[in-house]
Amino acid sequence: MKFTLWSKLAKMTLTDWLWVGGAALVAVALVVLLVWLKKQEQPERKKDLRTLLYGAMCMALAFVLSYIKLFSMPMGGSITLASMLPIFLYANRFGLRNGLLCGLAYGLLQFIQKPEIYHPLQILLDYPLAFAALGLAGSVKNLQLGVLFGGVGRFFFHFLSGAVFFATFAPESMSPWWYAFLYNGSYMGAEILLCLVLSFPAARVFDRVLR
């Protein structure tokens, strides 16, 4: 694992910047729209619209943060600037069902943007299922506990994918399962810890927007 923030930013192509810029503009536009909706009367249908808009905003923020890679692993996986945290916040505030759907949509966006394809089942594990598992943060009321649930859920699917489809990278003296656990646990553990630390101030900001 090595620090790659500046080198990653330097290597970003015009397409990469367009993706990030577009996602950032969408996030800003949604915040403005949500502020406007808060000033209006809130019948039930508008509450549903706000739920959808918050989900889109959190997904856009997560996508932008996913480009800020602090450390990268040699064969995939990285520590970002808490890119999972917006999904955790959304799931915690809007419930398990909405969180799972938001995570699933985010995983599909990640796959469309920069896919890592080795096997059809590997795609299923590393994208839709792994990112949908972030929505498990909505299964409990405590945000920090939700971060652990969602983070471990995502790790589980990457762990299965690593043990089954990346076993050839494991040293001969090491079990593929143990190798997958250490490899995915190294960056996922750090990412979860970062999300836990930042969840306290982020929750206060998010709740101010929700009011």
N, C-alpha and C. Protein backbone atom coordinates (compact mmCIF):
# COMPACT_ATOMS: atom_id res chain seq x y z
N MET A 1 0.85 -1.19 0.00
CA MET A 1 0.00 0.00 0.00
C MET A 1 0.89 1.24 0.00
N LYS A 2 0.62 2.19 -0.88
CA LYS A 2 1.42 3.39 -0.93
C LYS A 2 0.55 4.62 -1.13
N PHE A 3 1.08 5.78 -0.67
CA PHE A 3 0.36 7.04 -0.80
C PHE A 3 0.33 7.43 -2.27
N THR A 4 -0.88 7.64 -2.80
CA THR A 4 -1.01 7.88 -4.24
C THR A 4 -1.89 9.07 -4.59
N LEU A 5 -2.23 9.90 -3.61
CA LEU A 5 -3.19 10.97 -3.87
C LEU A 5 -2.74 11.87 -5.01
N TRP A 6 -1.53 12.41 -4.92
CA TRP A 6 -1.10 13.39 -5.92
C TRP A 6 -0.86 12.72 -7.27
N SER A 7 -0.28 11.52 -7.26
CA SER A 7 -0.03 10.84 -8.53
C SER A 7 -1.33 10.45 -9.21
N LYS A 8 -2.33 10.05 -8.43
CA LYS A 8 -3.64 9.70 -9.01
C LYS A 8 -4.31 10.92 -9.63
N LEU A 9 -4.25 12.03 -8.92
CA LEU A 9 -4.85 13.25 -9.45
C LEU A 9 -4.15 13.70 -10.72
N ALA A 10 -2.81 13.54 -10.75
CA ALA A 10 -2.05 13.96 -11.92
C ALA A 10 -2.36 13.10 -13.14
N LYS A 11 -2.76 11.84 -12.90
CA LYS A 11 -3.01 10.92 -14.01
C LYS A 11 -4.47 10.95 -14.49
N MET A 12 -5.29 11.74 -13.83
CA MET A 12 -6.70 11.78 -14.22
C MET A 12 -6.85 12.36 -15.62
N THR A 13 -7.63 11.69 -16.43
CA THR A 13 -7.87 12.13 -17.80
C THR A 13 -8.99 13.16 -17.84
N LEU A 14 -9.20 13.73 -19.03
CA LEU A 14 -10.29 14.67 -19.21
C LEU A 14 -11.63 14.01 -18.88
N THR A 15 -11.78 12.75 -19.29
CA THR A 15 -13.02 12.01 -19.00
C THR A 15 -13.23 11.88 -17.49
N ASP A 16 -12.15 11.58 -16.77
CA ASP A 16 -12.24 11.47 -15.31
C ASP A 16 -12.70 12.79 -14.69
N TRP A 17 -12.11 13.90 -15.14
CA TRP A 17 -12.49 15.20 -14.60
C TRP A 17 -13.93 15.55 -14.94
N LEU A 18 -14.37 15.14 -16.13
CA LEU A 18 -15.76 15.39 -16.51
C LEU A 18 -16.72 14.62 -15.61
N TRP A 19 -16.36 13.36 -15.29
CA TRP A 19 -17.18 12.56 -14.37
C TRP A 19 -17.28 13.25 -13.01
N VAL A 20 -16.11 13.66 -12.48
CA VAL A 20 -16.08 14.27 -11.16
C VAL A 20 -16.81 15.61 -11.16
N GLY A 21 -16.52 16.43 -12.18
CA GLY A 21 -17.18 17.73 -12.27
C GLY A 21 -18.68 17.61 -12.41
N GLY A 22 -19.11 16.66 -13.23
CA GLY A 22 -20.54 16.45 -13.41
C GLY A 22 -21.22 16.01 -12.12
N ALA A 23 -20.58 15.09 -11.40
CA ALA A 23 -21.14 14.61 -10.13
C ALA A 23 -21.19 15.74 -9.10
N ALA A 24 -20.14 16.58 -9.08
CA ALA A 24 -20.12 17.70 -8.14
C ALA A 24 -21.23 18.71 -8.45
N LEU A 25 -21.44 19.00 -9.73
CA LEU A 25 -22.50 19.92 -10.13
C LEU A 25 -23.87 19.36 -9.77
N VAL A 26 -24.05 18.06 -9.97
CA VAL A 26 -25.32 17.42 -9.60
C VAL A 26 -25.56 17.55 -8.09
N ALA A 27 -24.51 17.30 -7.31
CA ALA A 27 -24.64 17.40 -5.85
C ALA A 27 -25.04 18.81 -5.43
N VAL A 28 -24.37 19.81 -6.01
CA VAL A 28 -24.68 21.20 -5.66
C VAL A 28 -26.12 21.56 -6.07
N ALA A 29 -26.50 21.15 -7.27
CA ALA A 29 -27.85 21.44 -7.75
C ALA A 29 -28.91 20.79 -6.86
N LEU A 30 -28.64 19.59 -6.40
CA LEU A 30 -29.60 18.89 -5.54
C LEU A 30 -29.70 19.56 -4.17
N VAL A 31 -28.57 20.05 -3.66
CA VAL A 31 -28.61 20.77 -2.38
C VAL A 31 -29.48 22.02 -2.52
N VAL A 32 -29.30 22.75 -3.61
CA VAL A 32 -30.11 23.96 -3.84
C VAL A 32 -31.59 23.60 -3.95
N LEU A 33 -31.88 22.53 -4.67
CA LEU A 33 -33.27 22.10 -4.83
C LEU A 33 -33.87 21.67 -3.50
N LEU A 34 -33.09 20.98 -2.68
CA LEU A 34 -33.58 20.55 -1.38
C LEU A 34 -33.85 21.73 -0.45
N VAL A 35 -32.98 22.73 -0.50
CA VAL A 35 -33.21 23.94 0.30
C VAL A 35 -34.51 24.61 -0.13
N TRP A 36 -34.76 24.64 -1.43
CA TRP A 36 -36.00 25.23 -1.92
C TRP A 36 -37.21 24.43 -1.46
N LEU A 37 -37.11 23.10 -1.54
CA LEU A 37 -38.23 22.25 -1.12
C LEU A 37 -38.55 22.41 0.36
N LYS A 38 -37.52 22.64 1.16
CA LYS A 38 -37.74 22.80 2.60
C LYS A 38 -38.61 24.01 2.90
N LYS A 39 -38.56 25.00 2.03
CA LYS A 39 -39.34 26.22 2.25
C LYS A 39 -40.79 26.07 1.79
N GLN A 40 -41.08 24.99 1.09
CA GLN A 40 -42.43 24.77 0.60
C GLN A 40 -43.21 23.92 1.60
N GLU A 41 -44.49 23.82 1.41
CA GLU A 41 -45.30 22.90 2.21
C GLU A 41 -44.87 21.48 1.89
N GLN A 42 -44.97 20.60 2.87
CA GLN A 42 -44.43 19.26 2.71
C GLN A 42 -45.52 18.18 2.74
N PRO A 43 -46.33 18.08 1.72
CA PRO A 43 -47.25 16.95 1.64
C PRO A 43 -46.46 15.65 1.45
N GLU A 44 -47.17 14.55 1.53
CA GLU A 44 -46.50 13.25 1.51
C GLU A 44 -45.69 13.03 0.24
N ARG A 45 -46.21 13.44 -0.90
CA ARG A 45 -45.50 13.20 -2.16
C ARG A 45 -44.20 13.98 -2.21
N LYS A 46 -44.15 15.16 -1.58
CA LYS A 46 -42.93 15.92 -1.56
C LYS A 46 -41.90 15.27 -0.63
N LYS A 47 -42.36 14.61 0.41
CA LYS A 47 -41.44 13.86 1.27
C LYS A 47 -40.77 12.74 0.49
N ASP A 48 -41.55 12.07 -0.36
CA ASP A 48 -40.97 11.02 -1.20
C ASP A 48 -39.94 11.60 -2.16
N LEU A 49 -40.23 12.78 -2.70
CA LEU A 49 -39.30 13.42 -3.61
C LEU A 49 -38.01 13.80 -2.89
N ARG A 50 -38.15 14.30 -1.67
CA ARG A 50 -36.97 14.66 -0.88
C ARG A 50 -36.12 13.43 -0.59
N THR A 51 -36.74 12.29 -0.30
CA THR A 51 -35.99 11.06 -0.06
C THR A 51 -35.18 10.69 -1.29
N LEU A 52 -35.79 10.79 -2.45
CA LEU A 52 -35.10 10.47 -3.70
C LEU A 52 -33.96 11.45 -3.97
N LEU A 53 -34.22 12.72 -3.73
CA LEU A 53 -33.19 13.74 -3.99
C LEU A 53 -32.01 13.60 -3.04
N TYR A 54 -32.28 13.31 -1.78
CA TYR A 54 -31.19 13.10 -0.83
C TYR A 54 -30.34 11.89 -1.24
N GLY A 55 -31.00 10.85 -1.72
CA GLY A 55 -30.26 9.67 -2.18
C GLY A 55 -29.35 10.00 -3.35
N ALA A 56 -29.87 10.76 -4.30
CA ALA A 56 -29.06 11.15 -5.46
C ALA A 56 -27.90 12.05 -5.04
N MET A 57 -28.16 12.96 -4.08
CA MET A 57 -27.12 13.86 -3.61
C MET A 57 -26.00 13.07 -2.92
N CYS A 58 -26.38 12.13 -2.06
CA CYS A 58 -25.38 11.34 -1.34
C CYS A 58 -24.58 10.46 -2.29
N MET A 59 -25.24 9.92 -3.31
CA MET A 59 -24.54 9.11 -4.29
C MET A 59 -23.54 9.95 -5.07
N ALA A 60 -23.94 11.16 -5.44
CA ALA A 60 -23.03 12.06 -6.17
C ALA A 60 -21.83 12.44 -5.31
N LEU A 61 -22.07 12.74 -4.03
CA LEU A 61 -20.97 13.08 -3.13
C LEU A 61 -20.02 11.90 -2.94
N ALA A 62 -20.58 10.70 -2.79
CA ALA A 62 -19.76 9.51 -2.64
C ALA A 62 -18.89 9.29 -3.88
N PHE A 63 -19.46 9.54 -5.04
CA PHE A 63 -18.73 9.35 -6.30
C PHE A 63 -17.56 10.33 -6.39
N VAL A 64 -17.80 11.59 -6.03
CA VAL A 64 -16.72 12.58 -6.06
C VAL A 64 -15.61 12.19 -5.08
N LEU A 65 -15.99 11.82 -3.86
CA LEU A 65 -15.00 11.45 -2.84
C LEU A 65 -14.22 10.19 -3.23
N SER A 66 -14.82 9.32 -4.03
CA SER A 66 -14.13 8.09 -4.43
C SER A 66 -12.92 8.38 -5.31
N TYR A 67 -12.87 9.55 -5.89
CA TYR A 67 -11.72 9.93 -6.72
C TYR A 67 -10.54 10.43 -5.88
N ILE A 68 -10.81 10.78 -4.63
CA ILE A 68 -9.73 11.27 -3.76
C ILE A 68 -9.14 10.06 -3.04
N LYS A 69 -8.20 9.39 -3.70
CA LYS A 69 -7.60 8.17 -3.19
C LYS A 69 -6.33 8.51 -2.42
N LEU A 70 -6.37 8.28 -1.12
CA LEU A 70 -5.22 8.57 -0.28
C LEU A 70 -4.14 7.51 -0.43
N PHE A 71 -4.55 6.25 -0.44
CA PHE A 71 -3.63 5.13 -0.62
C PHE A 71 -4.28 4.12 -1.58
N SER A 72 -3.44 3.46 -2.36
CA SER A 72 -3.95 2.46 -3.31
C SER A 72 -3.23 1.13 -3.12
N MET A 73 -3.98 0.06 -3.32
CA MET A 73 -3.42 -1.28 -3.26
C MET A 73 -2.96 -1.68 -4.66
N PRO A 74 -1.97 -2.58 -4.75
CA PRO A 74 -1.40 -2.91 -6.06
C PRO A 74 -2.35 -3.61 -7.02
N MET A 75 -3.34 -4.35 -6.51
CA MET A 75 -4.24 -5.10 -7.39
C MET A 75 -5.69 -4.72 -7.16
N GLY A 76 -5.94 -3.45 -6.93
CA GLY A 76 -7.31 -2.98 -6.72
C GLY A 76 -7.61 -2.73 -5.27
N GLY A 77 -8.50 -1.78 -5.02
CA GLY A 77 -8.83 -1.39 -3.66
C GLY A 77 -8.03 -0.17 -3.24
N SER A 78 -8.66 0.72 -2.52
CA SER A 78 -7.98 1.94 -2.11
C SER A 78 -8.64 2.53 -0.87
N ILE A 79 -7.90 3.43 -0.22
CA ILE A 79 -8.43 4.20 0.90
C ILE A 79 -8.75 5.58 0.36
N THR A 80 -10.03 5.93 0.36
CA THR A 80 -10.46 7.22 -0.17
C THR A 80 -10.78 8.17 0.98
N LEU A 81 -11.20 9.36 0.61
CA LEU A 81 -11.58 10.35 1.64
C LEU A 81 -13.01 10.06 2.11
N ALA A 82 -13.16 8.89 2.75
CA ALA A 82 -14.45 8.49 3.34
C ALA A 82 -15.58 8.51 2.33
N SER A 83 -15.33 7.92 1.15
CA SER A 83 -16.36 7.96 0.09
C SER A 83 -17.61 7.16 0.45
N MET A 84 -17.51 6.22 1.39
CA MET A 84 -18.69 5.45 1.79
C MET A 84 -19.61 6.21 2.73
N LEU A 85 -19.07 7.26 3.36
CA LEU A 85 -19.81 7.94 4.42
C LEU A 85 -21.14 8.55 3.97
N PRO A 86 -21.23 9.19 2.79
CA PRO A 86 -22.54 9.71 2.37
C PRO A 86 -23.62 8.63 2.26
N ILE A 87 -23.22 7.44 1.81
CA ILE A 87 -24.19 6.33 1.71
C ILE A 87 -24.59 5.88 3.11
N PHE A 88 -23.63 5.80 4.03
CA PHE A 88 -23.94 5.43 5.41
C PHE A 88 -24.93 6.42 6.03
N LEU A 89 -24.68 7.70 5.83
CA LEU A 89 -25.56 8.73 6.39
C LEU A 89 -26.97 8.63 5.83
N TYR A 90 -27.05 8.45 4.54
CA TYR A 90 -28.37 8.35 3.90
C TYR A 90 -29.12 7.13 4.42
N ALA A 91 -28.45 5.98 4.48
CA ALA A 91 -29.10 4.76 4.96
C ALA A 91 -29.55 4.91 6.40
N ASN A 92 -28.70 5.53 7.23
CA ASN A 92 -29.03 5.69 8.64
C ASN A 92 -30.23 6.59 8.85
N ARG A 93 -30.36 7.63 8.02
CA ARG A 93 -31.44 8.59 8.20
C ARG A 93 -32.72 8.20 7.46
N PHE A 94 -32.60 7.44 6.38
CA PHE A 94 -33.78 7.14 5.56
C PHE A 94 -34.16 5.65 5.55
N GLY A 95 -33.41 4.84 6.28
CA GLY A 95 -33.82 3.45 6.45
C GLY A 95 -33.09 2.44 5.58
N LEU A 96 -33.24 1.20 5.98
CA LEU A 96 -32.52 0.09 5.35
C LEU A 96 -32.86 -0.05 3.87
N ARG A 97 -34.13 -0.04 3.53
CA ARG A 97 -34.54 -0.25 2.13
C ARG A 97 -33.96 0.82 1.22
N ASN A 98 -34.12 2.09 1.61
CA ASN A 98 -33.58 3.17 0.80
C ASN A 98 -32.05 3.11 0.74
N GLY A 99 -31.43 2.72 1.85
CA GLY A 99 -29.98 2.62 1.87
C GLY A 99 -29.45 1.54 0.94
N LEU A 100 -30.11 0.39 0.93
CA LEU A 100 -29.69 -0.70 0.04
C LEU A 100 -29.83 -0.29 -1.43
N LEU A 101 -30.93 0.39 -1.76
CA LEU A 101 -31.14 0.81 -3.14
C LEU A 101 -30.12 1.86 -3.56
N CYS A 102 -29.81 2.79 -2.66
CA CYS A 102 -28.83 3.81 -2.96
C CYS A 102 -27.44 3.19 -3.15
N GLY A 103 -27.07 2.26 -2.27
CA GLY A 103 -25.80 1.57 -2.40
C GLY A 103 -25.70 0.77 -3.68
N LEU A 104 -26.79 0.12 -4.04
CA LEU A 104 -26.83 -0.66 -5.29
C LEU A 104 -26.60 0.25 -6.50
N ALA A 105 -27.31 1.38 -6.52
CA ALA A 105 -27.16 2.33 -7.63
C ALA A 105 -25.73 2.87 -7.68
N TYR A 106 -25.14 3.12 -6.52
CA TYR A 106 -23.77 3.61 -6.46
C TYR A 106 -22.79 2.56 -7.00
N GLY A 107 -23.02 1.30 -6.65
CA GLY A 107 -22.18 0.23 -7.16
C GLY A 107 -22.24 0.10 -8.67
N LEU A 108 -23.43 0.23 -9.23
CA LEU A 108 -23.59 0.17 -10.68
C LEU A 108 -22.89 1.36 -11.35
N LEU A 109 -22.95 2.53 -10.71
CA LEU A 109 -22.25 3.70 -11.24
C LEU A 109 -20.74 3.48 -11.23
N GLN A 110 -20.23 2.89 -10.16
CA GLN A 110 -18.81 2.58 -10.09
C GLN A 110 -18.40 1.62 -11.20
N PHE A 111 -19.25 0.64 -11.46
CA PHE A 111 -18.93 -0.34 -12.50
C PHE A 111 -18.94 0.30 -13.88
N ILE A 112 -19.93 1.14 -14.15
CA ILE A 112 -20.02 1.80 -15.46
C ILE A 112 -18.81 2.71 -15.68
N GLN A 113 -18.41 3.40 -14.61
CA GLN A 113 -17.35 4.39 -14.75
C GLN A 113 -15.97 3.75 -14.97
N LYS A 114 -15.61 2.75 -14.19
CA LYS A 114 -14.28 2.14 -14.31
C LYS A 114 -14.35 0.68 -13.86
N PRO A 115 -14.84 -0.21 -14.72
CA PRO A 115 -15.03 -1.61 -14.32
C PRO A 115 -13.73 -2.40 -14.25
N GLU A 116 -13.68 -3.32 -13.28
CA GLU A 116 -12.60 -4.31 -13.19
C GLU A 116 -13.27 -5.67 -13.42
N ILE A 117 -13.06 -6.24 -14.60
CA ILE A 117 -13.80 -7.43 -15.00
C ILE A 117 -12.87 -8.64 -15.10
N TYR A 118 -13.18 -9.67 -14.32
CA TYR A 118 -12.44 -10.92 -14.38
C TYR A 118 -13.37 -12.11 -14.57
N HIS A 119 -14.59 -12.01 -14.06
CA HIS A 119 -15.54 -13.11 -14.14
C HIS A 119 -16.92 -12.53 -13.84
N PRO A 120 -17.98 -13.06 -14.48
CA PRO A 120 -19.33 -12.53 -14.21
C PRO A 120 -19.71 -12.52 -12.73
N LEU A 121 -19.38 -13.59 -12.02
CA LEU A 121 -19.71 -13.64 -10.60
C LEU A 121 -18.88 -12.65 -9.80
N GLN A 122 -17.64 -12.45 -10.23
CA GLN A 122 -16.78 -11.45 -9.56
C GLN A 122 -17.38 -10.06 -9.70
N ILE A 123 -17.94 -9.75 -10.86
CA ILE A 123 -18.59 -8.45 -11.06
C ILE A 123 -19.75 -8.28 -10.09
N LEU A 124 -20.54 -9.34 -9.94
CA LEU A 124 -21.69 -9.29 -9.03
C LEU A 124 -21.24 -9.06 -7.60
N LEU A 125 -20.18 -9.72 -7.18
CA LEU A 125 -19.71 -9.60 -5.80
C LEU A 125 -19.08 -8.23 -5.53
N ASP A 126 -18.26 -7.75 -6.46
CA ASP A 126 -17.47 -6.55 -6.22
C ASP A 126 -18.21 -5.25 -6.48
N TYR A 127 -19.34 -5.31 -7.17
CA TYR A 127 -20.05 -4.07 -7.49
C TYR A 127 -21.46 -4.02 -6.90
N PRO A 128 -22.46 -4.64 -7.50
CA PRO A 128 -23.83 -4.49 -6.94
C PRO A 128 -23.95 -4.95 -5.49
N LEU A 129 -23.45 -6.15 -5.19
CA LEU A 129 -23.63 -6.69 -3.84
C LEU A 129 -22.78 -5.96 -2.81
N ALA A 130 -21.51 -5.72 -3.13
CA ALA A 130 -20.62 -5.07 -2.16
C ALA A 130 -21.10 -3.67 -1.81
N PHE A 131 -21.49 -2.90 -2.81
CA PHE A 131 -21.89 -1.52 -2.52
C PHE A 131 -23.32 -1.44 -1.98
N ALA A 132 -24.18 -2.36 -2.38
CA ALA A 132 -25.52 -2.40 -1.79
C ALA A 132 -25.42 -2.68 -0.29
N ALA A 133 -24.42 -3.46 0.11
CA ALA A 133 -24.24 -3.80 1.53
C ALA A 133 -23.96 -2.57 2.39
N LEU A 134 -23.52 -1.48 1.78
CA LEU A 134 -23.34 -0.25 2.55
C LEU A 134 -24.65 0.20 3.17
N GLY A 135 -25.75 -0.15 2.53
CA GLY A 135 -27.07 0.21 3.04
C GLY A 135 -27.43 -0.46 4.35
N LEU A 136 -26.64 -1.46 4.77
CA LEU A 136 -26.89 -2.10 6.07
C LEU A 136 -26.74 -1.11 7.22
N ALA A 137 -26.14 0.04 6.93
CA ALA A 137 -26.06 1.08 7.95
C ALA A 137 -27.43 1.53 8.40
N GLY A 138 -28.45 1.28 7.58
CA GLY A 138 -29.81 1.65 7.93
C GLY A 138 -30.53 0.65 8.80
N SER A 139 -29.85 -0.42 9.17
CA SER A 139 -30.50 -1.46 9.98
C SER A 139 -30.47 -1.15 11.47
N VAL A 140 -29.71 -0.13 11.87
CA VAL A 140 -29.62 0.26 13.28
C VAL A 140 -29.75 1.78 13.38
N LYS A 141 -30.12 2.26 14.56
CA LYS A 141 -30.32 3.69 14.75
C LYS A 141 -29.00 4.44 14.97
N ASN A 142 -28.06 3.79 15.62
CA ASN A 142 -26.77 4.44 15.90
C ASN A 142 -25.92 4.49 14.63
N LEU A 143 -25.50 5.69 14.23
CA LEU A 143 -24.77 5.87 12.98
C LEU A 143 -23.43 5.14 13.00
N GLN A 144 -22.70 5.24 14.10
CA GLN A 144 -21.38 4.61 14.15
C GLN A 144 -21.49 3.09 14.06
N LEU A 145 -22.49 2.52 14.71
CA LEU A 145 -22.71 1.09 14.59
C LEU A 145 -23.13 0.75 13.16
N GLY A 146 -23.91 1.61 12.55
CA GLY A 146 -24.30 1.41 11.16
C GLY A 146 -23.12 1.44 10.22
N VAL A 147 -22.16 2.32 10.49
CA VAL A 147 -20.93 2.37 9.68
C VAL A 147 -20.21 1.03 9.74
N LEU A 148 -20.14 0.45 10.94
CA LEU A 148 -19.50 -0.86 11.09
C LEU A 148 -20.25 -1.94 10.32
N PHE A 149 -21.58 -1.94 10.44
CA PHE A 149 -22.38 -2.94 9.75
C PHE A 149 -22.21 -2.83 8.23
N GLY A 150 -22.35 -1.60 7.72
CA GLY A 150 -22.24 -1.40 6.28
C GLY A 150 -20.84 -1.68 5.77
N GLY A 151 -19.83 -1.24 6.52
CA GLY A 151 -18.44 -1.46 6.10
C GLY A 151 -18.07 -2.93 6.09
N VAL A 152 -18.47 -3.65 7.13
CA VAL A 152 -18.19 -5.09 7.19
C VAL A 152 -18.96 -5.84 6.10
N GLY A 153 -20.18 -5.37 5.81
CA GLY A 153 -20.95 -5.98 4.73
C GLY A 153 -20.25 -5.87 3.40
N ARG A 154 -19.74 -4.68 3.09
CA ARG A 154 -19.00 -4.52 1.83
C ARG A 154 -17.73 -5.36 1.84
N PHE A 155 -17.00 -5.35 2.96
CA PHE A 155 -15.78 -6.15 3.07
C PHE A 155 -16.07 -7.62 2.79
N PHE A 156 -17.17 -8.14 3.30
CA PHE A 156 -17.50 -9.55 3.15
C PHE A 156 -17.55 -9.96 1.67
N PHE A 157 -18.18 -9.14 0.83
CA PHE A 157 -18.30 -9.49 -0.57
C PHE A 157 -16.97 -9.35 -1.30
N HIS A 158 -16.17 -8.34 -0.95
CA HIS A 158 -14.84 -8.23 -1.55
C HIS A 158 -13.96 -9.40 -1.10
N PHE A 159 -14.14 -9.81 0.14
CA PHE A 159 -13.38 -10.95 0.68
C PHE A 159 -13.70 -12.23 -0.10
N LEU A 160 -14.99 -12.50 -0.34
CA LEU A 160 -15.37 -13.67 -1.11
C LEU A 160 -14.80 -13.60 -2.53
N SER A 161 -14.91 -12.45 -3.15
CA SER A 161 -14.39 -12.28 -4.50
C SER A 161 -12.88 -12.51 -4.54
N GLY A 162 -12.18 -11.96 -3.55
CA GLY A 162 -10.72 -12.10 -3.51
C GLY A 162 -10.28 -13.54 -3.32
N ALA A 163 -10.96 -14.25 -2.43
CA ALA A 163 -10.58 -15.63 -2.15
C ALA A 163 -10.85 -16.56 -3.32
N VAL A 164 -11.92 -16.30 -4.07
CA VAL A 164 -12.32 -17.19 -5.16
C VAL A 164 -11.64 -16.82 -6.48
N PHE A 165 -11.61 -15.54 -6.82
CA PHE A 165 -11.17 -15.13 -8.15
C PHE A 165 -9.77 -14.54 -8.20
N PHE A 166 -9.17 -14.26 -7.04
CA PHE A 166 -7.82 -13.69 -7.03
C PHE A 166 -6.86 -14.57 -6.24
N ALA A 167 -7.21 -15.85 -6.12
CA ALA A 167 -6.39 -16.78 -5.33
C ALA A 167 -4.99 -16.96 -5.92
N THR A 168 -4.85 -16.77 -7.23
CA THR A 168 -3.55 -16.97 -7.87
C THR A 168 -2.52 -15.94 -7.40
N PHE A 169 -2.97 -14.82 -6.83
CA PHE A 169 -2.04 -13.81 -6.34
C PHE A 169 -1.52 -14.13 -4.94
N ALA A 170 -2.12 -15.09 -4.28
CA ALA A 170 -1.72 -15.43 -2.92
C ALA A 170 -0.37 -16.14 -2.94
N PRO A 171 0.50 -15.86 -1.97
CA PRO A 171 1.76 -16.60 -1.86
C PRO A 171 1.49 -18.09 -1.66
N GLU A 172 2.39 -18.93 -2.13
CA GLU A 172 2.19 -20.37 -2.04
C GLU A 172 2.03 -20.85 -0.60
N SER A 173 2.66 -20.15 0.33
CA SER A 173 2.61 -20.57 1.73
C SER A 173 1.37 -20.07 2.46
N MET A 174 0.48 -19.33 1.76
CA MET A 174 -0.67 -18.73 2.42
C MET A 174 -1.97 -19.20 1.79
N SER A 175 -2.95 -19.49 2.62
CA SER A 175 -4.28 -19.86 2.15
C SER A 175 -4.90 -18.69 1.38
N PRO A 176 -5.58 -18.97 0.26
CA PRO A 176 -6.26 -17.89 -0.48
C PRO A 176 -7.26 -17.13 0.39
N TRP A 177 -7.91 -17.83 1.31
CA TRP A 177 -8.88 -17.18 2.19
C TRP A 177 -8.20 -16.21 3.15
N TRP A 178 -7.08 -16.64 3.70
CA TRP A 178 -6.34 -15.78 4.61
C TRP A 178 -5.75 -14.59 3.86
N TYR A 179 -5.26 -14.85 2.66
CA TYR A 179 -4.73 -13.78 1.82
C TYR A 179 -5.80 -12.74 1.50
N ALA A 180 -6.99 -13.22 1.11
CA ALA A 180 -8.09 -12.30 0.78
C ALA A 180 -8.52 -11.50 1.99
N PHE A 181 -8.50 -12.14 3.16
CA PHE A 181 -8.87 -11.44 4.39
C PHE A 181 -7.89 -10.31 4.70
N LEU A 182 -6.58 -10.61 4.60
CA LEU A 182 -5.57 -9.60 4.91
C LEU A 182 -5.55 -8.49 3.86
N TYR A 183 -5.64 -8.88 2.59
CA TYR A 183 -5.57 -7.89 1.52
C TYR A 183 -6.74 -6.91 1.59
N ASN A 184 -7.96 -7.44 1.62
CA ASN A 184 -9.15 -6.57 1.65
C ASN A 184 -9.34 -5.90 3.01
N GLY A 185 -8.93 -6.61 4.06
CA GLY A 185 -9.07 -6.03 5.39
C GLY A 185 -8.16 -4.84 5.61
N SER A 186 -7.00 -4.81 4.93
CA SER A 186 -6.05 -3.72 5.15
C SER A 186 -6.63 -2.38 4.71
N TYR A 187 -7.18 -2.32 3.50
CA TYR A 187 -7.71 -1.03 3.04
C TYR A 187 -9.13 -0.78 3.52
N MET A 188 -9.95 -1.85 3.61
CA MET A 188 -11.31 -1.65 4.09
C MET A 188 -11.33 -1.26 5.57
N GLY A 189 -10.44 -1.84 6.35
CA GLY A 189 -10.37 -1.49 7.77
C GLY A 189 -10.03 -0.03 7.97
N ALA A 190 -9.05 0.45 7.19
CA ALA A 190 -8.66 1.86 7.29
C ALA A 190 -9.79 2.78 6.80
N GLU A 191 -10.48 2.38 5.75
CA GLU A 191 -11.58 3.18 5.21
C GLU A 191 -12.73 3.26 6.20
N ILE A 192 -13.05 2.14 6.83
CA ILE A 192 -14.12 2.12 7.84
C ILE A 192 -13.75 3.00 9.03
N LEU A 193 -12.51 2.91 9.47
CA LEU A 193 -12.05 3.72 10.61
C LEU A 193 -12.15 5.21 10.28
N LEU A 194 -11.76 5.59 9.07
CA LEU A 194 -11.86 6.99 8.65
C LEU A 194 -13.32 7.46 8.63
N CYS A 195 -14.20 6.59 8.14
CA CYS A 195 -15.63 6.93 8.14
C CYS A 195 -16.17 7.09 9.55
N LEU A 196 -15.71 6.24 10.46
CA LEU A 196 -16.15 6.33 11.85
C LEU A 196 -15.75 7.67 12.47
N VAL A 197 -14.51 8.07 12.24
CA VAL A 197 -14.01 9.33 12.81
C VAL A 197 -14.77 10.52 12.25
N LEU A 198 -14.99 10.52 10.92
CA LEU A 198 -15.64 11.66 10.28
C LEU A 198 -17.16 11.63 10.41
N SER A 199 -17.70 10.51 10.88
CA SER A 199 -19.17 10.41 10.98
C SER A 199 -19.75 11.37 12.00
N PHE A 200 -19.00 11.73 13.02
CA PHE A 200 -19.52 12.63 14.06
C PHE A 200 -19.76 14.03 13.52
N PRO A 201 -18.75 14.70 12.92
CA PRO A 201 -19.05 16.03 12.36
C PRO A 201 -19.96 15.96 11.14
N ALA A 202 -19.81 14.91 10.31
CA ALA A 202 -20.63 14.80 9.10
C ALA A 202 -22.11 14.67 9.43
N ALA A 203 -22.43 13.96 10.50
CA ALA A 203 -23.83 13.77 10.89
C ALA A 203 -24.47 15.10 11.27
N ARG A 204 -23.70 15.96 11.93
CA ARG A 204 -24.25 17.26 12.32
C ARG A 204 -24.54 18.13 11.10
N VAL A 205 -23.64 18.10 10.13
CA VAL A 205 -23.85 18.86 8.90
C VAL A 205 -25.05 18.31 8.13
N PHE A 206 -25.12 17.00 8.03
CA PHE A 206 -26.21 16.35 7.28
C PHE A 206 -27.56 16.67 7.92
N ASP A 207 -27.62 16.64 9.23
CA ASP A 207 -28.87 16.91 9.92
C ASP A 207 -29.30 18.36 9.77
N ARG A 208 -28.35 19.26 9.66
CA ARG A 208 -28.69 20.67 9.42
C ARG A 208 -29.32 20.85 8.05
N VAL A 209 -28.85 20.09 7.07
CA VAL A 209 -29.45 20.14 5.73
C VAL A 209 -30.84 19.52 5.75
N LEU A 210 -31.02 18.46 6.56
CA LEU A 210 -32.31 17.77 6.63
C LEU A 210 -33.39 18.64 7.27
N ARG A 211 -33.04 19.51 8.17
CA ARG A 211 -34.04 20.29 8.89
C ARG A 211 -34.80 21.22 7.93
